[in-house]
Amino acid sequence: MNEPQDQPGDAPPPPANAPAPLGAMGGLFQDPSTLAATGLLVASIFNIIGGFINVFTDPLGDGIRGRLLLLTDVVEIGDVALLGLVVALLVLTVDPPGGISRSTLLNVTAALAGVVAAFGVLRSFVLLFESGPWPFRLAGFLVTIGITVAAATVSYWAARESFLKDQLHGRNA
């Protein structure tokens, strides 16, 4: 009767013949879905960093408008698709033990998609007030708003799924 009570969130002890935990990096290479998702996230991070580097250049002499367009070059459907694929990989596949926490990767995905969505809002208004024929400006605005909505949706679902994974594993209890 003097046995310690299990607390919520306590993991059961591993069996005596269980292999040693691999750690975050070792487990990463044991899970193809997490490895692929991490690679796609790194690509998105580099893309956003490239946008920030572009702010320091003004090759066409367009001033602040040109710099904002260069900053927001990351607002493309391919970038949003990559982030959506990350969410799918992390949510729809089995979560093996070890490796980087899927909720952490989902949080990173939510943040990156949020940055892309914010850049999309900025870019859409820069395009709308660009010089040129109004149908061209309106088309650029509408396309960019569509991509922005997609990025915001990915950000929302990544954050929601991360929260659900944390609740499932008792991390926010």
N, C-alpha and C. Protein backbone atom coordinates (compact mmCIF):
# COMPACT_ATOMS: atom_id res chain seq x y z
N MET A 1 0.81 -1.19 0.00
CA MET A 1 0.00 0.00 0.00
C MET A 1 0.86 1.26 0.00
N ASN A 2 2.13 1.15 0.28
CA ASN A 2 3.00 2.31 0.33
C ASN A 2 3.66 2.59 -1.02
N GLU A 3 3.09 2.06 -2.11
CA GLU A 3 3.66 2.30 -3.43
C GLU A 3 3.33 3.73 -3.86
N PRO A 4 4.26 4.40 -4.54
CA PRO A 4 3.99 5.77 -5.00
C PRO A 4 2.89 5.75 -6.06
N GLN A 5 2.04 6.75 -6.01
CA GLN A 5 0.95 6.87 -6.97
C GLN A 5 1.50 7.43 -8.29
N ASP A 6 0.99 6.88 -9.39
CA ASP A 6 1.36 7.43 -10.70
C ASP A 6 0.69 8.78 -10.88
N GLN A 7 1.45 9.73 -11.36
CA GLN A 7 0.93 11.06 -11.64
C GLN A 7 0.49 11.11 -13.10
N PRO A 8 -0.52 11.94 -13.43
CA PRO A 8 -0.92 12.06 -14.83
C PRO A 8 0.27 12.51 -15.67
N GLY A 9 0.43 11.90 -16.81
CA GLY A 9 1.51 12.26 -17.71
C GLY A 9 2.78 11.46 -17.47
N ASP A 10 2.83 10.65 -16.37
CA ASP A 10 4.01 9.82 -16.14
C ASP A 10 4.01 8.69 -17.15
N ALA A 11 5.15 8.48 -17.78
CA ALA A 11 5.27 7.38 -18.73
C ALA A 11 5.59 6.10 -17.96
N PRO A 12 5.05 4.99 -18.43
CA PRO A 12 5.41 3.74 -17.77
C PRO A 12 6.89 3.44 -17.98
N PRO A 13 7.50 2.73 -17.05
CA PRO A 13 8.93 2.45 -17.23
C PRO A 13 9.13 1.54 -18.43
N PRO A 14 10.25 1.72 -19.15
CA PRO A 14 10.49 0.87 -20.32
C PRO A 14 10.79 -0.57 -19.88
N PRO A 15 10.45 -1.53 -20.73
CA PRO A 15 10.78 -2.92 -20.40
C PRO A 15 12.30 -3.09 -20.29
N ALA A 16 12.70 -4.11 -19.58
CA ALA A 16 14.12 -4.34 -19.33
C ALA A 16 14.90 -4.56 -20.61
N ASN A 17 14.29 -5.15 -21.62
CA ASN A 17 15.02 -5.43 -22.86
C ASN A 17 14.78 -4.36 -23.93
N ALA A 18 14.22 -3.22 -23.57
CA ALA A 18 13.94 -2.15 -24.54
C ALA A 18 15.24 -1.47 -24.95
N PRO A 19 15.34 -1.07 -26.24
CA PRO A 19 16.54 -0.35 -26.67
C PRO A 19 16.60 1.03 -26.04
N ALA A 20 17.79 1.55 -25.92
CA ALA A 20 17.98 2.88 -25.33
C ALA A 20 17.33 3.92 -26.23
N PRO A 21 16.78 5.00 -25.64
CA PRO A 21 16.19 6.05 -26.47
C PRO A 21 17.23 6.64 -27.42
N LEU A 22 16.78 7.00 -28.61
CA LEU A 22 17.69 7.49 -29.64
C LEU A 22 17.97 8.97 -29.53
N GLY A 23 17.15 9.71 -28.81
CA GLY A 23 17.30 11.16 -28.76
C GLY A 23 16.64 11.79 -29.97
N ALA A 24 16.65 13.10 -30.00
CA ALA A 24 15.93 13.83 -31.05
C ALA A 24 16.52 13.54 -32.43
N MET A 25 17.82 13.64 -32.59
CA MET A 25 18.41 13.47 -33.91
C MET A 25 18.42 12.01 -34.34
N GLY A 26 18.72 11.11 -33.42
CA GLY A 26 18.72 9.69 -33.77
C GLY A 26 17.33 9.22 -34.14
N GLY A 27 16.34 9.66 -33.39
CA GLY A 27 14.96 9.29 -33.69
C GLY A 27 14.47 9.92 -34.98
N LEU A 28 15.00 11.08 -35.32
CA LEU A 28 14.61 11.76 -36.55
C LEU A 28 14.89 10.89 -37.76
N PHE A 29 16.03 10.25 -37.76
CA PHE A 29 16.42 9.44 -38.91
C PHE A 29 15.74 8.06 -38.90
N GLN A 30 15.04 7.73 -37.84
CA GLN A 30 14.29 6.48 -37.77
C GLN A 30 12.85 6.65 -38.26
N ASP A 31 12.40 7.88 -38.44
CA ASP A 31 11.02 8.17 -38.82
C ASP A 31 11.01 8.95 -40.13
N PRO A 32 10.69 8.29 -41.24
CA PRO A 32 10.72 8.98 -42.53
C PRO A 32 9.79 10.19 -42.61
N SER A 33 8.62 10.12 -41.98
CA SER A 33 7.68 11.25 -42.04
C SER A 33 8.24 12.46 -41.33
N THR A 34 8.80 12.27 -40.15
CA THR A 34 9.37 13.39 -39.41
C THR A 34 10.60 13.94 -40.13
N LEU A 35 11.40 13.07 -40.71
CA LEU A 35 12.58 13.51 -41.46
C LEU A 35 12.16 14.36 -42.67
N ALA A 36 11.17 13.87 -43.42
CA ALA A 36 10.70 14.62 -44.59
C ALA A 36 10.09 15.96 -44.16
N ALA A 37 9.28 15.95 -43.11
CA ALA A 37 8.66 17.18 -42.63
C ALA A 37 9.73 18.18 -42.18
N THR A 38 10.75 17.70 -41.50
CA THR A 38 11.82 18.59 -41.04
C THR A 38 12.57 19.19 -42.23
N GLY A 39 12.82 18.39 -43.25
CA GLY A 39 13.49 18.91 -44.45
C GLY A 39 12.66 19.98 -45.14
N LEU A 40 11.35 19.77 -45.22
CA LEU A 40 10.48 20.77 -45.84
C LEU A 40 10.42 22.04 -45.01
N LEU A 41 10.44 21.89 -43.69
CA LEU A 41 10.46 23.08 -42.82
C LEU A 41 11.75 23.87 -42.99
N VAL A 42 12.87 23.17 -43.11
CA VAL A 42 14.16 23.84 -43.31
C VAL A 42 14.13 24.62 -44.63
N ALA A 43 13.54 24.02 -45.67
CA ALA A 43 13.43 24.72 -46.95
C ALA A 43 12.59 25.99 -46.80
N SER A 44 11.50 25.91 -46.06
CA SER A 44 10.66 27.09 -45.85
C SER A 44 11.38 28.15 -45.03
N ILE A 45 12.13 27.73 -44.04
CA ILE A 45 12.91 28.68 -43.23
C ILE A 45 13.93 29.41 -44.10
N PHE A 46 14.64 28.67 -44.96
CA PHE A 46 15.62 29.30 -45.84
C PHE A 46 14.93 30.27 -46.80
N ASN A 47 13.74 29.93 -47.25
CA ASN A 47 13.01 30.80 -48.15
C ASN A 47 12.66 32.13 -47.47
N ILE A 48 12.20 32.05 -46.24
CA ILE A 48 11.86 33.27 -45.49
C ILE A 48 13.11 34.09 -45.18
N ILE A 49 14.20 33.42 -44.83
CA ILE A 49 15.46 34.13 -44.60
C ILE A 49 15.90 34.84 -45.88
N GLY A 50 15.73 34.17 -47.02
CA GLY A 50 16.05 34.80 -48.31
C GLY A 50 15.24 36.06 -48.54
N GLY A 51 13.97 36.04 -48.13
CA GLY A 51 13.14 37.24 -48.25
C GLY A 51 13.69 38.38 -47.42
N PHE A 52 14.13 38.08 -46.20
CA PHE A 52 14.71 39.13 -45.36
C PHE A 52 16.02 39.66 -45.94
N ILE A 53 16.81 38.80 -46.54
CA ILE A 53 18.05 39.25 -47.18
C ILE A 53 17.72 40.17 -48.36
N ASN A 54 16.64 39.85 -49.09
CA ASN A 54 16.24 40.66 -50.24
C ASN A 54 15.90 42.10 -49.87
N VAL A 55 15.47 42.32 -48.63
CA VAL A 55 15.13 43.68 -48.19
C VAL A 55 16.33 44.61 -48.33
N PHE A 56 17.53 44.07 -48.22
CA PHE A 56 18.73 44.90 -48.26
C PHE A 56 19.18 45.21 -49.68
N THR A 57 18.46 44.69 -50.67
CA THR A 57 18.81 44.96 -52.06
C THR A 57 17.69 45.75 -52.72
N ASP A 58 18.04 46.53 -53.69
CA ASP A 58 17.05 47.27 -54.47
C ASP A 58 17.59 47.37 -55.89
N PRO A 59 17.62 46.22 -56.60
CA PRO A 59 18.28 46.20 -57.90
C PRO A 59 17.61 47.08 -58.96
N LEU A 60 16.30 47.30 -58.85
CA LEU A 60 15.60 48.09 -59.85
C LEU A 60 15.34 49.52 -59.42
N GLY A 61 15.77 49.88 -58.21
CA GLY A 61 15.57 51.23 -57.71
C GLY A 61 14.11 51.57 -57.45
N ASP A 62 13.33 50.59 -57.05
CA ASP A 62 11.91 50.81 -56.80
C ASP A 62 11.62 51.31 -55.39
N GLY A 63 12.64 51.49 -54.59
CA GLY A 63 12.44 52.01 -53.24
C GLY A 63 11.75 51.02 -52.33
N ILE A 64 10.95 51.55 -51.41
CA ILE A 64 10.32 50.71 -50.39
C ILE A 64 9.36 49.70 -51.01
N ARG A 65 8.65 50.09 -52.07
CA ARG A 65 7.72 49.16 -52.72
C ARG A 65 8.47 47.96 -53.29
N GLY A 66 9.57 48.21 -53.94
CA GLY A 66 10.38 47.12 -54.49
C GLY A 66 10.96 46.23 -53.40
N ARG A 67 11.39 46.85 -52.33
CA ARG A 67 11.94 46.06 -51.21
C ARG A 67 10.85 45.20 -50.56
N LEU A 68 9.64 45.73 -50.43
CA LEU A 68 8.55 44.93 -49.86
C LEU A 68 8.18 43.76 -50.77
N LEU A 69 8.20 44.00 -52.08
CA LEU A 69 7.92 42.89 -52.99
C LEU A 69 9.00 41.83 -52.91
N LEU A 70 10.25 42.25 -52.78
CA LEU A 70 11.34 41.28 -52.65
C LEU A 70 11.25 40.52 -51.33
N LEU A 71 10.87 41.21 -50.26
CA LEU A 71 10.69 40.56 -48.96
C LEU A 71 9.62 39.49 -49.04
N THR A 72 8.55 39.80 -49.72
CA THR A 72 7.39 38.91 -49.73
C THR A 72 7.40 37.93 -50.89
N ASP A 73 8.53 37.73 -51.52
CA ASP A 73 8.63 36.73 -52.59
C ASP A 73 8.30 35.32 -52.11
N VAL A 74 8.30 35.11 -50.80
CA VAL A 74 7.99 33.78 -50.27
C VAL A 74 6.51 33.44 -50.40
N VAL A 75 5.69 34.41 -50.78
CA VAL A 75 4.25 34.17 -50.89
C VAL A 75 3.98 33.55 -52.26
N GLU A 76 4.14 32.26 -52.32
CA GLU A 76 3.87 31.49 -53.53
C GLU A 76 3.10 30.25 -53.14
N ILE A 77 2.33 29.75 -54.06
CA ILE A 77 1.51 28.58 -53.76
C ILE A 77 2.37 27.37 -53.41
N GLY A 78 3.55 27.28 -54.00
CA GLY A 78 4.45 26.16 -53.70
C GLY A 78 4.89 26.15 -52.24
N ASP A 79 5.14 27.31 -51.69
CA ASP A 79 5.56 27.41 -50.30
C ASP A 79 4.43 26.99 -49.36
N VAL A 80 3.23 27.42 -49.68
CA VAL A 80 2.08 27.04 -48.86
C VAL A 80 1.83 25.54 -49.00
N ALA A 81 2.00 25.01 -50.20
CA ALA A 81 1.81 23.57 -50.41
C ALA A 81 2.82 22.77 -49.60
N LEU A 82 4.06 23.23 -49.54
CA LEU A 82 5.07 22.53 -48.73
C LEU A 82 4.66 22.48 -47.27
N LEU A 83 4.19 23.61 -46.76
CA LEU A 83 3.78 23.65 -45.35
C LEU A 83 2.54 22.79 -45.11
N GLY A 84 1.63 22.76 -46.06
CA GLY A 84 0.47 21.87 -45.95
C GLY A 84 0.88 20.41 -45.97
N LEU A 85 1.87 20.09 -46.77
CA LEU A 85 2.39 18.72 -46.82
C LEU A 85 3.03 18.35 -45.49
N VAL A 86 3.70 19.28 -44.87
CA VAL A 86 4.30 19.02 -43.55
C VAL A 86 3.20 18.65 -42.55
N VAL A 87 2.13 19.41 -42.54
CA VAL A 87 1.03 19.11 -41.61
C VAL A 87 0.47 17.72 -41.89
N ALA A 88 0.28 17.40 -43.16
CA ALA A 88 -0.25 16.08 -43.52
C ALA A 88 0.70 14.97 -43.07
N LEU A 89 1.99 15.15 -43.29
CA LEU A 89 2.96 14.13 -42.88
C LEU A 89 2.95 13.91 -41.38
N LEU A 90 2.80 15.00 -40.63
CA LEU A 90 2.89 14.90 -39.18
C LEU A 90 1.59 14.45 -38.53
N VAL A 91 0.48 14.67 -39.19
CA VAL A 91 -0.81 14.33 -38.60
C VAL A 91 -1.31 12.96 -39.06
N LEU A 92 -1.06 12.62 -40.29
CA LEU A 92 -1.66 11.41 -40.86
C LEU A 92 -0.80 10.16 -40.74
N THR A 93 0.43 10.28 -40.30
CA THR A 93 1.28 9.10 -40.16
C THR A 93 1.44 8.75 -38.69
N VAL A 94 1.85 7.53 -38.45
CA VAL A 94 2.04 7.03 -37.09
C VAL A 94 3.19 7.79 -36.43
N ASP A 95 3.02 8.12 -35.18
CA ASP A 95 4.02 8.88 -34.42
C ASP A 95 4.87 7.91 -33.61
N PRO A 96 6.04 7.50 -34.13
CA PRO A 96 6.87 6.57 -33.36
C PRO A 96 7.55 7.28 -32.20
N PRO A 97 7.99 6.52 -31.21
CA PRO A 97 8.70 7.15 -30.09
C PRO A 97 10.06 7.67 -30.55
N GLY A 98 10.54 8.67 -29.85
CA GLY A 98 11.85 9.24 -30.17
C GLY A 98 11.73 10.30 -31.24
N GLY A 99 12.82 10.92 -31.54
CA GLY A 99 12.81 11.95 -32.57
C GLY A 99 12.33 13.28 -32.04
N ILE A 100 12.20 14.22 -32.94
CA ILE A 100 11.71 15.54 -32.59
C ILE A 100 10.20 15.43 -32.37
N SER A 101 9.71 16.06 -31.34
CA SER A 101 8.29 16.02 -31.02
C SER A 101 7.47 16.56 -32.19
N ARG A 102 6.44 15.83 -32.55
CA ARG A 102 5.60 16.28 -33.66
C ARG A 102 4.86 17.56 -33.31
N SER A 103 4.51 17.73 -32.06
CA SER A 103 3.84 18.98 -31.70
C SER A 103 4.78 20.17 -31.87
N THR A 104 6.07 19.97 -31.61
CA THR A 104 7.05 21.04 -31.83
C THR A 104 7.14 21.37 -33.32
N LEU A 105 7.21 20.33 -34.16
CA LEU A 105 7.29 20.57 -35.59
C LEU A 105 6.01 21.23 -36.11
N LEU A 106 4.87 20.86 -35.55
CA LEU A 106 3.62 21.50 -35.95
C LEU A 106 3.59 22.96 -35.52
N ASN A 107 4.17 23.27 -34.36
CA ASN A 107 4.26 24.67 -33.92
C ASN A 107 5.14 25.48 -34.86
N VAL A 108 6.25 24.91 -35.28
CA VAL A 108 7.13 25.60 -36.24
C VAL A 108 6.38 25.81 -37.55
N THR A 109 5.66 24.80 -37.99
CA THR A 109 4.88 24.92 -39.22
C THR A 109 3.84 26.03 -39.10
N ALA A 110 3.14 26.08 -37.97
CA ALA A 110 2.14 27.13 -37.75
C ALA A 110 2.78 28.51 -37.79
N ALA A 111 3.95 28.64 -37.19
CA ALA A 111 4.63 29.94 -37.19
C ALA A 111 5.06 30.34 -38.60
N LEU A 112 5.65 29.40 -39.34
CA LEU A 112 6.10 29.71 -40.70
C LEU A 112 4.92 30.05 -41.61
N ALA A 113 3.85 29.28 -41.50
CA ALA A 113 2.66 29.57 -42.31
C ALA A 113 2.06 30.92 -41.91
N GLY A 114 2.13 31.26 -40.64
CA GLY A 114 1.67 32.58 -40.19
C GLY A 114 2.50 33.70 -40.78
N VAL A 115 3.82 33.51 -40.86
CA VAL A 115 4.69 34.51 -41.49
C VAL A 115 4.34 34.66 -42.96
N VAL A 116 4.14 33.53 -43.65
CA VAL A 116 3.77 33.58 -45.07
C VAL A 116 2.43 34.30 -45.24
N ALA A 117 1.48 34.03 -44.35
CA ALA A 117 0.18 34.71 -44.42
C ALA A 117 0.33 36.22 -44.21
N ALA A 118 1.13 36.61 -43.22
CA ALA A 118 1.35 38.05 -42.97
C ALA A 118 2.04 38.70 -44.17
N PHE A 119 3.03 38.02 -44.73
CA PHE A 119 3.69 38.53 -45.93
C PHE A 119 2.69 38.64 -47.07
N GLY A 120 1.75 37.69 -47.15
CA GLY A 120 0.75 37.72 -48.21
C GLY A 120 -0.14 38.94 -48.13
N VAL A 121 -0.56 39.29 -46.92
CA VAL A 121 -1.38 40.49 -46.75
C VAL A 121 -0.60 41.71 -47.21
N LEU A 122 0.64 41.81 -46.79
CA LEU A 122 1.49 42.93 -47.17
C LEU A 122 1.66 42.99 -48.68
N ARG A 123 1.99 41.84 -49.27
CA ARG A 123 2.23 41.78 -50.71
C ARG A 123 0.97 42.11 -51.50
N SER A 124 -0.17 41.65 -51.05
CA SER A 124 -1.40 41.89 -51.80
C SER A 124 -1.70 43.38 -51.90
N PHE A 125 -1.46 44.12 -50.82
CA PHE A 125 -1.73 45.56 -50.87
C PHE A 125 -0.66 46.30 -51.66
N VAL A 126 0.57 45.84 -51.62
CA VAL A 126 1.61 46.46 -52.45
C VAL A 126 1.25 46.26 -53.92
N LEU A 127 0.80 45.05 -54.28
CA LEU A 127 0.42 44.78 -55.67
C LEU A 127 -0.80 45.60 -56.09
N LEU A 128 -1.73 45.79 -55.19
CA LEU A 128 -2.94 46.54 -55.51
C LEU A 128 -2.63 48.00 -55.83
N PHE A 129 -1.64 48.57 -55.14
CA PHE A 129 -1.30 49.97 -55.35
C PHE A 129 -0.09 50.15 -56.27
N GLU A 130 0.29 49.10 -56.95
CA GLU A 130 1.36 49.14 -57.94
C GLU A 130 0.87 49.96 -59.15
N SER A 131 1.80 50.49 -59.92
CA SER A 131 1.39 51.20 -61.13
C SER A 131 1.11 50.17 -62.23
N GLY A 132 0.27 50.53 -63.15
CA GLY A 132 -0.09 49.63 -64.24
C GLY A 132 -1.58 49.51 -64.39
N PRO A 133 -2.01 48.72 -65.36
CA PRO A 133 -3.46 48.59 -65.59
C PRO A 133 -4.16 47.94 -64.41
N TRP A 134 -5.36 48.42 -64.08
CA TRP A 134 -6.08 47.94 -62.91
C TRP A 134 -6.42 46.45 -62.98
N PRO A 135 -6.74 45.86 -64.16
CA PRO A 135 -7.02 44.41 -64.15
C PRO A 135 -5.80 43.59 -63.72
N PHE A 136 -4.62 44.02 -64.12
CA PHE A 136 -3.39 43.33 -63.73
C PHE A 136 -3.19 43.44 -62.22
N ARG A 137 -3.38 44.64 -61.68
CA ARG A 137 -3.22 44.85 -60.24
C ARG A 137 -4.25 44.07 -59.45
N LEU A 138 -5.51 44.07 -59.92
CA LEU A 138 -6.57 43.34 -59.24
C LEU A 138 -6.30 41.84 -59.26
N ALA A 139 -5.84 41.34 -60.39
CA ALA A 139 -5.52 39.90 -60.49
C ALA A 139 -4.40 39.52 -59.52
N GLY A 140 -3.36 40.33 -59.45
CA GLY A 140 -2.26 40.06 -58.51
C GLY A 140 -2.75 40.09 -57.07
N PHE A 141 -3.61 41.04 -56.77
CA PHE A 141 -4.20 41.14 -55.43
C PHE A 141 -5.01 39.88 -55.09
N LEU A 142 -5.89 39.48 -56.00
CA LEU A 142 -6.75 38.32 -55.74
C LEU A 142 -5.95 37.02 -55.60
N VAL A 143 -4.98 36.84 -56.46
CA VAL A 143 -4.15 35.62 -56.38
C VAL A 143 -3.41 35.59 -55.05
N THR A 144 -2.84 36.70 -54.67
CA THR A 144 -2.07 36.74 -53.43
C THR A 144 -2.96 36.57 -52.21
N ILE A 145 -4.16 37.15 -52.23
CA ILE A 145 -5.10 36.95 -51.12
C ILE A 145 -5.49 35.48 -51.02
N GLY A 146 -5.70 34.82 -52.16
CA GLY A 146 -6.02 33.40 -52.14
C GLY A 146 -4.93 32.58 -51.50
N ILE A 147 -3.69 32.87 -51.85
CA ILE A 147 -2.55 32.15 -51.25
C ILE A 147 -2.46 32.48 -49.77
N THR A 148 -2.74 33.72 -49.41
CA THR A 148 -2.70 34.15 -48.01
C THR A 148 -3.73 33.39 -47.18
N VAL A 149 -4.92 33.22 -47.72
CA VAL A 149 -5.96 32.46 -47.01
C VAL A 149 -5.51 31.01 -46.83
N ALA A 150 -4.91 30.44 -47.86
CA ALA A 150 -4.40 29.06 -47.75
C ALA A 150 -3.33 28.97 -46.66
N ALA A 151 -2.41 29.93 -46.62
CA ALA A 151 -1.35 29.92 -45.60
C ALA A 151 -1.93 30.08 -44.20
N ALA A 152 -2.92 30.95 -44.06
CA ALA A 152 -3.55 31.14 -42.75
C ALA A 152 -4.27 29.87 -42.32
N THR A 153 -4.89 29.17 -43.26
CA THR A 153 -5.57 27.92 -42.95
C THR A 153 -4.57 26.86 -42.49
N VAL A 154 -3.45 26.75 -43.18
CA VAL A 154 -2.41 25.80 -42.78
C VAL A 154 -1.89 26.15 -41.39
N SER A 155 -1.69 27.43 -41.14
CA SER A 155 -1.20 27.86 -39.83
C SER A 155 -2.19 27.48 -38.74
N TYR A 156 -3.47 27.73 -38.99
CA TYR A 156 -4.50 27.39 -37.99
C TYR A 156 -4.52 25.89 -37.70
N TRP A 157 -4.55 25.07 -38.75
CA TRP A 157 -4.66 23.63 -38.53
C TRP A 157 -3.39 23.06 -37.91
N ALA A 158 -2.23 23.59 -38.26
CA ALA A 158 -1.00 23.12 -37.63
C ALA A 158 -1.01 23.44 -36.14
N ALA A 159 -1.44 24.66 -35.79
CA ALA A 159 -1.50 25.03 -34.38
C ALA A 159 -2.54 24.19 -33.65
N ARG A 160 -3.67 23.97 -34.27
CA ARG A 160 -4.74 23.18 -33.65
C ARG A 160 -4.28 21.73 -33.42
N GLU A 161 -3.66 21.13 -34.43
CA GLU A 161 -3.21 19.75 -34.30
C GLU A 161 -2.09 19.64 -33.27
N SER A 162 -1.24 20.65 -33.19
CA SER A 162 -0.18 20.65 -32.18
C SER A 162 -0.79 20.66 -30.79
N PHE A 163 -1.79 21.50 -30.60
CA PHE A 163 -2.48 21.57 -29.31
C PHE A 163 -3.13 20.22 -28.98
N LEU A 164 -3.76 19.60 -29.98
CA LEU A 164 -4.40 18.30 -29.74
C LEU A 164 -3.38 17.23 -29.41
N LYS A 165 -2.23 17.26 -30.08
CA LYS A 165 -1.17 16.28 -29.76
C LYS A 165 -0.65 16.50 -28.35
N ASP A 166 -0.50 17.76 -27.96
CA ASP A 166 -0.06 18.03 -26.59
C ASP A 166 -1.08 17.53 -25.58
N GLN A 167 -2.36 17.74 -25.86
CA GLN A 167 -3.42 17.26 -24.95
C GLN A 167 -3.44 15.73 -24.90
N LEU A 168 -3.25 15.11 -26.06
CA LEU A 168 -3.26 13.66 -26.12
C LEU A 168 -2.14 13.05 -25.28
N HIS A 169 -1.01 13.70 -25.30
CA HIS A 169 0.16 13.19 -24.55
C HIS A 169 0.27 13.80 -23.16
N GLY A 170 -0.72 14.61 -22.75
CA GLY A 170 -0.74 15.16 -21.40
C GLY A 170 0.30 16.19 -21.11
N ARG A 171 0.77 16.90 -22.15
CA ARG A 171 1.84 17.87 -21.93
C ARG A 171 1.34 19.19 -21.38
N ASN A 172 0.07 19.51 -21.59
CA ASN A 172 -0.47 20.78 -21.10
C ASN A 172 -1.33 20.59 -19.87
N ALA A 173 -1.24 19.46 -19.23
CA ALA A 173 -2.10 19.18 -18.08
C ALA A 173 -1.66 19.95 -16.87
